[in-house]
PDB file of N, CA and C in Angstrom:
ATOM      1  N   MET A   1     -91.976  93.002 163.268  1.00  0.00           N
ATOM      2  CA  MET A   1     -92.789  92.445 162.898  1.00  0.00           C
ATOM      3  C   MET A   1     -93.099  91.549 162.219  1.00  0.00           C
ATOM      4  N   LYS A   2     -93.227  90.523 161.938  1.00  0.00           N
ATOM      5  CA  LYS A   2     -93.812  90.082 160.180  1.00  0.00           C
ATOM      6  C   LYS A   2     -95.387  89.987 160.506  1.00  0.00           C
ATOM      7  N   ALA A   3     -96.221  90.717 159.359  1.00  0.00           N
ATOM      8  CA  ALA A   3     -97.594  90.804 158.808  1.00  0.00           C
ATOM      9  C   ALA A   3     -97.606  90.409 157.540  1.00  0.00           C
ATOM     10  N   ALA A   4     -99.012  89.971 156.967  1.00  0.00           N
ATOM     11  CA  ALA A   4     -99.470  89.345 156.476  1.00  0.00           C
ATOM     12  C   ALA A   4     -99.628  90.901 155.351  1.00  0.00           C
ATOM     13  N   ILE A   5     -99.503  91.446 154.468  1.00  0.00           N
ATOM     14  CA  ILE A   5     -99.195  92.593 153.405  1.00  0.00           C
ATOM     15  C   ILE A   5    -100.140  92.377 152.035  1.00  0.00           C
ATOM     16  N   ARG A   6    -100.796  93.005 152.061  1.00  0.00           N
ATOM     17  CA  ARG A   6    -101.458  93.096 150.543  1.00  0.00           C
ATOM     18  C   ARG A   6    -101.746  94.479 150.027  1.00  0.00           C
ATOM     19  N   SER A   7    -101.371  94.865 148.917  1.00  0.00           N
ATOM     20  CA  SER A   7    -102.136  96.338 148.212  1.00  0.00           C
ATOM     21  C   SER A   7    -103.026  96.628 146.948  1.00  0.00           C
ATOM     22  N   LYS A   8    -103.856  95.501 147.540  1.00  0.00           N
ATOM     23  CA  LYS A   8    -105.243  95.127 146.221  1.00  0.00           C
ATOM     24  C   LYS A   8    -106.007  93.860 146.797  1.00  0.00           C
ATOM     25  N   TYR A   9    -107.172  93.598 145.924  1.00  0.00           N
ATOM     26  CA  TYR A   9    -107.751  92.566 146.342  1.00  0.00           C
ATOM     27  C   TYR A   9    -107.547  91.696 145.297  1.00  0.00           C
ATOM     28  N   GLY A  10    -107.230  90.188 145.443  1.00  0.00           N
ATOM     29  CA  GLY A  10    -107.520  89.428 145.103  1.00  0.00           C
ATOM     30  C   GLY A  10    -106.806  87.961 145.661  1.00  0.00           C
ATOM     31  N   PRO A  11    -106.128  86.895 145.249  1.00  0.00           N
ATOM     32  CA  PRO A  11    -106.029  85.505 145.334  1.00  0.00           C
ATOM     33  C   PRO A  11    -105.439  85.568 146.225  1.00  0.00           C
ATOM     34  N   PRO A  12    -105.070  84.546 147.166  1.00  0.00           N
ATOM     35  CA  PRO A  12    -104.023  84.509 148.115  1.00  0.00           C
ATOM     36  C   PRO A  12    -102.477  85.002 147.599  1.00  0.00           C
ATOM     37  N   ASP A  13    -102.019  84.803 146.319  1.00  0.00           N
ATOM     38  CA  ASP A  13    -100.760  85.340 146.322  1.00  0.00           C
ATOM     39  C   ASP A  13    -100.775  86.543 145.737  1.00  0.00           C
ATOM     40  N   VAL A  14    -101.715  87.789 146.286  1.00  0.00           N
ATOM     41  CA  VAL A  14    -101.172  88.952 146.635  1.00  0.00           C
ATOM     42  C   VAL A  14    -100.986  89.014 147.845  1.00  0.00           C
ATOM     43  N   ILE A  15    -101.025  88.129 148.592  1.00  0.00           N
ATOM     44  CA  ILE A  15    -100.066  88.742 149.742  1.00  0.00           C
ATOM     45  C   ILE A  15     -98.563  88.138 149.669  1.00  0.00           C
ATOM     46  N   SER A  16     -98.118  89.396 150.650  1.00  0.00           N
ATOM     47  CA  SER A  16     -96.376  89.254 151.106  1.00  0.00           C
ATOM     48  C   SER A  16     -96.163  89.206 152.541  1.00  0.00           C
ATOM     49  N   ILE A  17     -95.322  88.051 153.328  1.00  0.00           N
ATOM     50  CA  ILE A  17     -94.574  88.625 154.314  1.00  0.00           C
ATOM     51  C   ILE A  17     -93.828  89.486 154.431  1.00  0.00           C
ATOM     52  N   GLU A  18     -93.839  90.635 155.548  1.00  0.00           N
ATOM     53  CA  GLU A  18     -93.009  91.762 155.264  1.00  0.00           C
ATOM     54  C   GLU A  18     -92.630  91.713 156.846  1.00  0.00           C
ATOM     55  N   ASP A  19     -91.514  92.866 157.333  1.00  0.00           N
ATOM     56  CA  ASP A  19     -91.208  93.217 158.768  1.00  0.00           C
ATOM     57  C   ASP A  19     -91.571  94.671 158.389  1.00  0.00           C
ATOM     58  N   VAL A  20     -92.670  94.822 159.366  1.00  0.00           N
ATOM     59  CA  VAL A  20     -93.082  96.602 159.876  1.00  0.00           C
ATOM     60  C   VAL A  20     -93.091  96.736 161.202  1.00  0.00           C
ATOM     61  N   PRO A  21     -93.396  97.938 161.436  1.00  0.00           N
ATOM     62  CA  PRO A  21     -92.794  98.625 162.727  1.00  0.00           C
ATOM     63  C   PRO A  21     -94.036  98.148 163.704  1.00  0.00           C
ATOM     64  N   VAL A  22     -93.639  98.018 165.140  1.00  0.00           N
ATOM     65  CA  VAL A  22     -94.790  97.310 165.888  1.00  0.00           C
ATOM     66  C   VAL A  22     -95.817  97.923 166.085  1.00  0.00           C
ATOM     67  N   PRO A  23     -96.725  98.568 166.441  1.00  0.00           N
ATOM     68  CA  PRO A  23     -97.826  99.771 166.291  1.00  0.00           C
ATOM     69  C   PRO A  23     -97.860  99.878 167.850  1.00  0.00           C
ATOM     70  N   ILE A  24     -97.971 101.055 168.091  1.00  0.00           N
ATOM     71  CA  ILE A  24     -97.810 101.994 168.874  1.00  0.00           C
ATOM     72  C   ILE A  24     -99.381 102.279 169.674  1.00  0.00           C
ATOM     73  N   PRO A  25     -99.818 101.520 170.914  1.00  0.00           N
ATOM     74  CA  PRO A  25    -101.175 101.989 171.273  1.00  0.00           C
ATOM     75  C   PRO A  25    -101.352 103.551 171.570  1.00  0.00           C
ATOM     76  N   LYS A  26    -102.387 103.567 171.309  1.00  0.00           N
ATOM     77  CA  LYS A  26    -102.947 105.150 171.508  1.00  0.00           C
ATOM     78  C   LYS A  26    -103.712 105.462 173.145  1.00  0.00           C
ATOM     79  N   ALA A  27    -104.416 106.227 173.364  1.00  0.00           N
ATOM     80  CA  ALA A  27    -105.196 106.534 174.997  1.00  0.00           C
ATOM     81  C   ALA A  27    -105.918 105.225 175.234  1.00  0.00           C
ATOM     82  N   HIS A  28    -106.288 104.933 174.309  1.00  0.00           N
ATOM     83  CA  HIS A  28    -108.039 104.178 174.314  1.00  0.00           C
ATOM     84  C   HIS A  28    -107.676 102.845 173.813  1.00  0.00           C
ATOM     85  N   GLU A  29    -106.463 101.976 173.842  1.00  0.00           N
ATOM     86  CA  GLU A  29    -105.982 101.069 172.738  1.00  0.00           C
ATOM     87  C   GLU A  29    -105.121 100.604 173.673  1.00  0.00           C
ATOM     88  N   ILE A  30    -105.488  99.278 173.409  1.00  0.00           N
ATOM     89  CA  ILE A  30    -104.241  97.844 173.889  1.00  0.00           C
ATOM     90  C   ILE A  30    -103.456  97.462 172.698  1.00  0.00           C
ATOM     91  N   LEU A  31    -101.908  97.015 172.633  1.00  0.00           N
ATOM     92  CA  LEU A  31    -101.487  96.565 172.076  1.00  0.00           C
ATOM     93  C   LEU A  31    -101.521  94.711 172.823  1.00  0.00           C
ATOM     94  N   VAL A  32    -101.335  93.832 171.657  1.00  0.00           N
ATOM     95  CA  VAL A  32    -102.086  92.721 171.682  1.00  0.00           C
ATOM     96  C   VAL A  32    -101.158  91.859 170.921  1.00  0.00           C
ATOM     97  N   ARG A  33     -99.986  90.853 171.602  1.00  0.00           N
ATOM     98  CA  ARG A  33     -99.258  90.071 171.229  1.00  0.00           C
ATOM     99  C   ARG A  33    -100.081  88.977 170.760  1.00  0.00           C
ATOM    100  N   VAL A  34    -100.122  88.708 169.340  1.00  0.00           N
ATOM    101  CA  VAL A  34    -100.658  87.485 168.753  1.00  0.00           C
ATOM    102  C   VAL A  34    -100.326  86.396 168.836  1.00  0.00           C
ATOM    103  N   TYR A  35    -101.188  85.476 169.584  1.00  0.00           N
ATOM    104  CA  TYR A  35    -100.566  83.785 169.288  1.00  0.00           C
ATOM    105  C   TYR A  35    -101.516  82.928 168.765  1.00  0.00           C
ATOM    106  N   ALA A  36    -102.711  83.183 168.089  1.00  0.00           N
ATOM    107  CA  ALA A  36    -103.546  82.407 167.332  1.00  0.00           C
ATOM    108  C   ALA A  36    -104.193  83.547 166.430  1.00  0.00           C
ATOM    109  N   LYS A  37    -104.665  82.865 165.171  1.00  0.00           N
ATOM    110  CA  LYS A  37    -106.052  83.638 164.574  1.00  0.00           C
ATOM    111  C   LYS A  37    -106.038  82.221 163.531  1.00  0.00           C
ATOM    112  N   THR A  38    -106.759  83.053 162.483  1.00  0.00           N
ATOM    113  CA  THR A  38    -107.494  82.170 161.817  1.00  0.00           C
ATOM    114  C   THR A  38    -107.575  82.586 160.420  1.00  0.00           C
ATOM    115  N   VAL A  39    -107.763  81.926 159.456  1.00  0.00           N
ATOM    116  CA  VAL A  39    -107.954  82.173 157.815  1.00  0.00           C
ATOM    117  C   VAL A  39    -109.105  82.031 157.827  1.00  0.00           C
ATOM    118  N   ASN A  40    -110.878  82.411 158.030  1.00  0.00           N
ATOM    119  CA  ASN A  40    -112.003  81.923 157.543  1.00  0.00           C
ATOM    120  C   ASN A  40    -112.370  82.901 156.517  1.00  0.00           C
ATOM    121  N   ARG A  41    -113.869  82.624 156.666  1.00  0.00           N
ATOM    122  CA  ARG A  41    -115.137  82.961 155.317  1.00  0.00           C
ATOM    123  C   ARG A  41    -114.726  84.178 155.200  1.00  0.00           C
ATOM    124  N   THR A  42    -114.798  84.750 155.943  1.00  0.00           N
ATOM    125  CA  THR A  42    -114.795  86.505 156.011  1.00  0.00           C
ATOM    126  C   THR A  42    -113.309  87.373 155.871  1.00  0.00           C
ATOM    127  N   ASP A  43    -112.544  86.087 156.395  1.00  0.00           N
ATOM    128  CA  ASP A  43    -110.960  86.727 155.456  1.00  0.00           C
ATOM    129  C   ASP A  43    -110.882  86.666 154.217  1.00  0.00           C
ATOM    130  N   CYS A  44    -111.183  85.618 153.379  1.00  0.00           N
ATOM    131  CA  CYS A  44    -110.957  85.123 152.268  1.00  0.00           C
ATOM    132  C   CYS A  44    -112.158  86.365 151.475  1.00  0.00           C
ATOM    133  N   ALA A  45    -113.196  86.774 152.124  1.00  0.00           N
ATOM    134  CA  ALA A  45    -113.826  87.561 151.715  1.00  0.00           C
ATOM    135  C   ALA A  45    -113.129  88.901 151.314  1.00  0.00           C
ATOM    136  N   VAL A  46    -112.643  89.400 152.769  1.00  0.00           N
ATOM    137  CA  VAL A  46    -111.880  90.933 152.576  1.00  0.00           C
ATOM    138  C   VAL A  46    -110.857  90.757 151.718  1.00  0.00           C
ATOM    139  N   LEU A  47    -110.589  89.102 151.948  1.00  0.00           N
ATOM    140  CA  LEU A  47    -108.694  89.195 150.407  1.00  0.00           C
ATOM    141  C   LEU A  47    -109.292  89.481 149.078  1.00  0.00           C
ATOM    142  N   THR A  48    -110.097  88.687 149.184  1.00  0.00           N
ATOM    143  CA  THR A  48    -110.574  88.937 147.694  1.00  0.00           C
ATOM    144  C   THR A  48    -111.377  90.535 147.242  1.00  0.00           C
ATOM    145  N   GLY A  49    -112.542  91.044 148.196  1.00  0.00           N
ATOM    146  CA  GLY A  49    -112.937  91.744 147.849  1.00  0.00           C
ATOM    147  C   GLY A  49    -114.184  91.675 146.757  1.00  0.00           C
ATOM    148  N   LYS A  50    -114.491  90.176 147.437  1.00  0.00           N
ATOM    149  CA  LYS A  50    -115.785  89.542 146.742  1.00  0.00           C
ATOM    150  C   LYS A  50    -116.779  88.531 147.949  1.00  0.00           C
ATOM    151  N   PRO A  51    -118.105  88.952 147.860  1.00  0.00           N
ATOM    152  CA  PRO A  51    -118.841  89.366 147.126  1.00  0.00           C
ATOM    153  C   PRO A  51    -118.302  90.829 147.069  1.00  0.00           C
ATOM    154  N   PHE A  52    -118.769  92.074 146.089  1.00  0.00           N
ATOM    155  CA  PHE A  52    -118.822  92.905 145.623  1.00  0.00           C
ATOM    156  C   PHE A  52    -118.796  94.164 147.070  1.00  0.00           C
ATOM    157  N   VAL A  53    -120.480  93.954 147.251  1.00  0.00           N
ATOM    158  CA  VAL A  53    -120.815  94.824 148.571  1.00  0.00           C
ATOM    159  C   VAL A  53    -119.728  94.849 149.807  1.00  0.00           C
ATOM    160  N   ILE A  54    -118.692  93.904 150.055  1.00  0.00           N
ATOM    161  CA  ILE A  54    -117.628  93.955 151.370  1.00  0.00           C
ATOM    162  C   ILE A  54    -116.744  95.037 151.037  1.00  0.00           C
ATOM    163  N   GLN A  55    -116.657  95.646 149.865  1.00  0.00           N
ATOM    164  CA  GLN A  55    -115.809  96.781 149.853  1.00  0.00           C
ATOM    165  C   GLN A  55    -116.269  97.799 150.096  1.00  0.00           C
ATOM    166  N   PHE A  56    -117.443  97.951 150.220  1.00  0.00           N
ATOM    167  CA  PHE A  56    -118.434  98.941 151.152  1.00  0.00           C
ATOM    168  C   PHE A  56    -117.960  99.532 152.313  1.00  0.00           C
ATOM    169  N   PHE A  57    -116.956  98.404 152.650  1.00  0.00           N
ATOM    170  CA  PHE A  57    -116.888  98.500 154.046  1.00  0.00           C
ATOM    171  C   PHE A  57    -115.574  98.088 154.301  1.00  0.00           C
ATOM    172  N   THR A  58    -114.952  97.663 153.285  1.00  0.00           N
ATOM    173  CA  THR A  58    -113.501  97.325 153.195  1.00  0.00           C
ATOM    174  C   THR A  58    -112.509  98.159 152.554  1.00  0.00           C
ATOM    175  N   GLY A  59    -113.191  98.813 151.743  1.00  0.00           N
ATOM    176  CA  GLY A  59    -112.636 100.047 150.817  1.00  0.00           C
ATOM    177  C   GLY A  59    -112.487  99.474 149.315  1.00  0.00           C
ATOM    178  N   LEU A  60    -113.435 100.607 148.957  1.00  0.00           N
ATOM    179  CA  LEU A  60    -113.803 100.427 147.565  1.00  0.00           C
ATOM    180  C   LEU A  60    -112.760 100.725 146.827  1.00  0.00           C
ATOM    181  N   GLY A  61    -112.468  99.300 146.080  1.00  0.00           N
ATOM    182  CA  GLY A  61    -111.674  99.198 144.582  1.00  0.00           C
ATOM    183  C   GLY A  61    -110.181  98.890 145.329  1.00  0.00           C
ATOM    184  N   LYS A  62    -110.054  99.301 146.841  1.00  0.00           N
ATOM    185  CA  LYS A  62    -108.452  99.053 147.206  1.00  0.00           C
ATOM    186  C   LYS A  62    -108.832  98.536 148.768  1.00  0.00           C
ATOM    187  N   PRO A  63    -107.986  98.022 149.261  1.00  0.00           N
ATOM    188  CA  PRO A  63    -108.253  98.221 150.328  1.00  0.00           C
ATOM    189  C   PRO A  63    -107.981  98.765 151.379  1.00  0.00           C
ATOM    190  N   LYS A  64    -108.794  99.266 152.931  1.00  0.00           N
ATOM    191  CA  LYS A  64    -108.287 100.364 153.400  1.00  0.00           C
ATOM    192  C   LYS A  64    -106.668  99.686 154.660  1.00  0.00           C
ATOM    193  N   SER A  65    -106.783  98.684 154.461  1.00  0.00           N
ATOM    194  CA  SER A  65    -106.147  97.873 155.596  1.00  0.00           C
ATOM    195  C   SER A  65    -105.168  97.421 154.648  1.00  0.00           C
ATOM    196  N   PRO A  66    -103.494  97.373 155.067  1.00  0.00           N
ATOM    197  CA  PRO A  66    -103.238  96.285 153.600  1.00  0.00           C
ATOM    198  C   PRO A  66    -102.878  94.940 154.515  1.00  0.00           C
ATOM    199  N   THR A  67    -103.071  94.713 156.019  1.00  0.00           N
ATOM    200  CA  THR A  67    -103.143  93.466 156.693  1.00  0.00           C
ATOM    201  C   THR A  67    -104.211  93.184 156.837  1.00  0.00           C
ATOM    202  N   THR A  68    -104.346  91.774 156.835  1.00  0.00           N
ATOM    203  CA  THR A  68    -105.336  91.291 156.568  1.00  0.00           C
ATOM    204  C   THR A  68    -105.555  90.710 158.486  1.00  0.00           C
ATOM    205  N   GLY A  69    -106.938  89.853 158.601  1.00  0.00           N
ATOM    206  CA  GLY A  69    -107.026  89.617 159.563  1.00  0.00           C
ATOM    207  C   GLY A  69    -108.663  89.614 160.103  1.00  0.00           C
ATOM    208  N   THR A  70    -109.344  88.991 160.914  1.00  0.00           N
ATOM    209  CA  THR A  70    -110.419  89.710 161.517  1.00  0.00           C
ATOM    210  C   THR A  70    -110.497  89.317 162.574  1.00  0.00           C
ATOM    211  N   ASP A  71    -109.945  87.793 163.733  1.00  0.00           N
ATOM    212  CA  ASP A  71    -110.059  87.353 164.526  1.00  0.00           C
ATOM    213  C   ASP A  71    -108.514  86.924 165.127  1.00  0.00           C
ATOM    214  N   PHE A  72    -108.523  86.788 166.564  1.00  0.00           N
ATOM    215  CA  PHE A  72    -107.415  87.158 167.490  1.00  0.00           C
ATOM    216  C   PHE A  72    -107.345  86.391 168.806  1.00  0.00           C
ATOM    217  N   ALA A  73    -106.147  85.389 169.486  1.00  0.00           N
ATOM    218  CA  ALA A  73    -106.476  85.521 170.562  1.00  0.00           C
ATOM    219  C   ALA A  73    -104.627  86.199 171.189  1.00  0.00           C
ATOM    220  N   GLY A  74    -104.725  86.218 172.132  1.00  0.00           N
ATOM    221  CA  GLY A  74    -103.484  87.023 172.576  1.00  0.00           C
ATOM    222  C   GLY A  74    -103.250  87.289 173.937  1.00  0.00           C
ATOM    223  N   VAL A  75    -101.768  88.113 174.431  1.00  0.00           N
ATOM    224  CA  VAL A  75    -101.619  88.371 175.667  1.00  0.00           C
ATOM    225  C   VAL A  75    -101.421  90.052 175.445  1.00  0.00           C
ATOM    226  N   ILE A  76    -102.046  90.989 176.129  1.00  0.00           N
ATOM    227  CA  ILE A  76    -102.285  92.080 176.124  1.00  0.00           C
ATOM    228  C   ILE A  76    -100.102  92.447 176.348  1.00  0.00           C
ATOM    229  N   GLU A  77     -99.426  93.327 175.689  1.00  0.00           N
ATOM    230  CA  GLU A  77     -97.805  93.577 175.979  1.00  0.00           C
ATOM    231  C   GLU A  77     -97.985  94.888 176.667  1.00  0.00           C
ATOM    232  N   SER A  78     -98.763  96.086 176.164  1.00  0.00           N
ATOM    233  CA  SER A  78     -99.048  97.414 176.451  1.00  0.00           C
ATOM    234  C   SER A  78    -100.299  97.496 176.790  1.00  0.00           C
ATOM    235  N   ILE A  79    -100.900  98.901 177.315  1.00  0.00           N
ATOM    236  CA  ILE A  79    -102.204  99.346 177.189  1.00  0.00           C
ATOM    237  C   ILE A  79    -101.544 100.693 176.988  1.00  0.00           C
ATOM    238  N   GLY A  80    -102.098 101.718 176.361  1.00  0.00           N
ATOM    239  CA  GLY A  80    -102.644 102.983 176.166  1.00  0.00           C
ATOM    240  C   GLY A  80    -102.696 103.837 177.540  1.00  0.00           C
ATOM    241  N   LYS A  81    -102.857 105.308 177.513  1.00  0.00           N
ATOM    242  CA  LYS A  81    -102.654 106.197 179.326  1.00  0.00           C
ATOM    243  C   LYS A  81    -104.007 105.947 178.881  1.00  0.00           C
ATOM    244  N   ASN A  82    -105.059 105.634 178.994  1.00  0.00           N
ATOM    245  CA  ASN A  82    -106.137 105.814 179.605  1.00  0.00           C
ATOM    246  C   ASN A  82    -107.228 104.273 179.752  1.00  0.00           C
ATOM    247  N   VAL A  83    -106.494 103.312 179.329  1.00  0.00           N
ATOM    248  CA  VAL A  83    -106.891 102.155 179.768  1.00  0.00           C
ATOM    249  C   VAL A  83    -106.924 101.755 180.999  1.00  0.00           C
ATOM    250  N   THR A  84    -108.245 101.398 181.193  1.00  0.00           N
ATOM    251  CA  THR A  84    -108.658 100.782 182.535  1.00  0.00           C
ATOM    252  C   THR A  84    -109.060  99.838 182.797  1.00  0.00           C
ATOM    253  N   THR A  85    -109.706  98.910 181.505  1.00  0.00           N
ATOM    254  CA  THR A  85    -110.434  97.941 181.781  1.00  0.00           C
ATOM    255  C   THR A  85    -109.357  96.431 181.644  1.00  0.00           C
ATOM    256  N   PHE A  86    -108.366  96.760 181.035  1.00  0.00           N
ATOM    257  CA  PHE A  86    -107.064  95.500 180.698  1.00  0.00           C
ATOM    258  C   PHE A  86    -106.202  96.383 181.751  1.00  0.00           C
ATOM    259  N   THR A  87    -104.982  95.167 181.782  1.00  0.00           N
ATOM    260  CA  THR A  87    -103.703  94.911 181.875  1.00  0.00           C
ATOM    261  C   THR A  87    -103.029  94.245 181.561  1.00  0.00           C
ATOM    262  N   VAL A  88    -101.500  94.827 181.510  1.00  0.00           N
ATOM    263  CA  VAL A  88    -101.118  93.860 180.727  1.00  0.00           C
ATOM    264  C   VAL A  88    -100.631  92.557 181.068  1.00  0.00           C
ATOM    265  N   GLY A  89    -100.353  91.553 180.443  1.00  0.00           N
ATOM    266  CA  GLY A  89    -100.504  90.332 181.009  1.00  0.00           C
ATOM    267  C   GLY A  89    -101.539  89.474 180.798  1.00  0.00           C
ATOM    268  N   ASP A  90    -103.114  90.627 180.662  1.00  0.00           N
ATOM    269  CA  ASP A  90    -104.319  89.825 180.693  1.00  0.00           C
ATOM    270  C   ASP A  90    -104.213  88.652 179.175  1.00  0.00           C
ATOM    271  N   LYS A  91    -105.106  87.716 179.648  1.00  0.00           N
ATOM    272  CA  LYS A  91    -105.411  86.889 178.107  1.00  0.00           C
ATOM    273  C   LYS A  91    -106.508  87.561 177.183  1.00  0.00           C
ATOM    274  N   VAL A  92    -106.479  87.931 175.696  1.00  0.00           N
ATOM    275  CA  VAL A  92    -107.644  88.221 175.471  1.00  0.00           C
ATOM    276  C   VAL A  92    -107.977  87.970 173.546  1.00  0.00           C
ATOM    277  N   TRP A  93    -109.605  87.840 173.428  1.00  0.00           N
ATOM    278  CA  TRP A  93    -109.860  87.570 171.914  1.00  0.00           C
ATOM    279  C   TRP A  93    -110.512  88.386 171.864  1.00  0.00           C
ATOM    280  N   GLY A  94    -110.842  88.571 170.132  1.00  0.00           N
ATOM    281  CA  GLY A  94    -111.529  89.285 169.381  1.00  0.00           C
ATOM    282  C   GLY A  94    -111.811  88.949 168.281  1.00  0.00           C
ATOM    283  N   PHE A  95    -112.969  89.573 167.951  1.00  0.00           N
ATOM    284  CA  PHE A  95    -113.146  89.270 166.427  1.00  0.00           C
ATOM    285  C   PHE A  95    -114.346  90.756 165.673  1.00  0.00           C
ATOM    286  N   ASN A  96    -113.869  91.192 164.409  1.00  0.00           N
ATOM    287  CA  ASN A  96    -114.682  92.452 163.954  1.00  0.00           C
ATOM    288  C   ASN A  96    -114.616  92.243 162.171  1.00  0.00           C
ATOM    289  N   ASP A  97    -115.955  91.396 161.960  1.00  0.00           N
ATOM    290  CA  ASP A  97    -116.136  91.183 160.570  1.00  0.00           C
ATOM    291  C   ASP A  97    -115.229  92.102 159.430  1.00  0.00           C
ATOM    292  N   GLN A  98    -115.619  93.066 159.749  1.00  0.00           N
ATOM    293  CA  GLN A  98    -114.626  93.942 158.952  1.00  0.00           C
ATOM    294  C   GLN A  98    -113.481  94.452 158.570  1.00  0.00           C
ATOM    295  N   GLY A  99    -112.442  93.320 159.706  1.00  0.00           N
ATOM    296  CA  GLY A  99    -111.131  93.287 159.832  1.00  0.00           C
ATOM    297  C   GLY A  99    -110.051  93.833 161.042  1.00  0.00           C
ATOM    298  N   LEU A 100    -109.380  93.454 161.360  1.00  0.00           N
ATOM    299  CA  LEU A 100    -108.549  93.831 162.262  1.00  0.00           C
ATOM    300  C   LEU A 100    -106.984  93.971 162.346  1.00  0.00           C
ATOM    301  N   ALA A 101    -107.119  93.509 161.217  1.00  0.00           N
ATOM    302  CA  ALA A 101    -105.397  93.680 160.864  1.00  0.00           C
ATOM    303  C   ALA A 101    -104.670  92.225 161.764  1.00  0.00           C
ATOM    304  N   THR A 102    -105.261  91.303 162.004  1.00  0.00           N
ATOM    305  CA  THR A 102    -104.925  90.485 163.025  1.00  0.00           C
ATOM    306  C   THR A 102    -103.656  89.321 162.158  1.00  0.00           C
ATOM    307  N   HIS A 103    -103.711  89.418 161.109  1.00  0.00           N
ATOM    308  CA  HIS A 103    -102.537  88.061 160.606  1.00  0.00           C
ATOM    309  C   HIS A 103    -101.317  89.224 160.678  1.00  0.00           C
ATOM    310  N   ALA A 104    -100.728  88.983 162.002  1.00  0.00           N
ATOM    311  CA  ALA A 104     -99.515  90.100 161.883  1.00  0.00           C
ATOM    312  C   ALA A 104     -99.077  89.404 163.430  1.00  0.00           C
ATOM    313  N   GLN A 105     -98.119  89.594 163.990  1.00  0.00           N
ATOM    314  CA  GLN A 105     -97.495  89.307 164.926  1.00  0.00           C
ATOM    315  C   GLN A 105     -97.632  89.935 166.637  1.00  0.00           C
ATOM    316  N   TYR A 106     -97.825  91.475 166.228  1.00  0.00           N
ATOM    317  CA  TYR A 106     -98.998  91.975 166.596  1.00  0.00           C
ATOM    318  C   TYR A 106    -100.203  93.174 166.883  1.00  0.00           C
ATOM    319  N   VAL A 107    -101.137  93.478 167.382  1.00  0.00           N
ATOM    320  CA  VAL A 107    -102.034  94.022 166.451  1.00  0.00           C
ATOM    321  C   VAL A 107    -102.378  95.009 167.476  1.00  0.00           C
ATOM    322  N   VAL A 108    -103.028  96.305 167.302  1.00  0.00           N
ATOM    323  CA  VAL A 108    -103.797  97.376 168.203  1.00  0.00           C
ATOM    324  C   VAL A 108    -104.822  97.100 168.243  1.00  0.00           C
ATOM    325  N   ILE A 109    -105.614  97.221 169.369  1.00  0.00           N
ATOM    326  CA  ILE A 109    -107.439  96.972 169.245  1.00  0.00           C
ATOM    327  C   ILE A 109    -107.810  98.055 169.989  1.00  0.00           C
ATOM    328  N   SER A 110    -109.015  98.772 169.823  1.00  0.00           N
ATOM    329  CA  SER A 110    -109.440  99.931 170.221  1.00  0.00           C
ATOM    330  C   SER A 110    -110.226  99.425 171.304  1.00  0.00           C
ATOM    331  N   THR A 111    -109.998 100.374 172.710  1.00  0.00           N
ATOM    332  CA  THR A 111    -111.207  99.144 174.334  1.00  0.00           C
ATOM    333  C   THR A 111    -112.771  99.395 173.713  1.00  0.00           C
ATOM    334  N   LYS A 112    -113.424  99.687 172.724  1.00  0.00           N
ATOM    335  CA  LYS A 112    -114.059 100.096 171.898  1.00  0.00           C
ATOM    336  C   LYS A 112    -114.724  98.828 171.141  1.00  0.00           C
ATOM    337  N   ASP A 113    -113.701  97.922 170.573  1.00  0.00           N
ATOM    338  CA  ASP A 113    -114.057  97.258 169.481  1.00  0.00           C
ATOM    339  C   ASP A 113    -114.588  96.271 170.556  1.00  0.00           C
ATOM    340  N   ILE A 114    -115.173  94.898 169.706  1.00  0.00           N
ATOM    341  CA  ILE A 114    -115.421  93.614 170.983  1.00  0.00           C
ATOM    342  C   ILE A 114    -114.069  92.523 171.081  1.00  0.00           C
ATOM    343  N   ILE A 115    -113.519  93.187 172.606  1.00  0.00           N
ATOM    344  CA  ILE A 115    -112.406  92.496 172.752  1.00  0.00           C
ATOM    345  C   ILE A 115    -112.957  91.543 173.733  1.00  0.00           C
TER     346      ILE A 115
END
């Protein structure tokens, strides 16, 4: 799959589009094929690490997650073995202001997150 990847905080030119493996959902996770995402002000803060306080949540000095993105809309492609509240084919959307790595073709989300 394609994903927006970065290894450091900075302007948009620190991002590159790379091929990475499609994630596999664990027991309490779902795999979502992402059809829509945004670039919002939270994404800009997560990308740049500014204001500095955002780094307390996203990684001090270096981002915890190489993939950017905080929100998504898509369709569930597969589910973990303990998922009972969702089924394959469900349309879902969600947001997490600390980042969900949604600037990618697929994303794995815990069913404990806000979906």
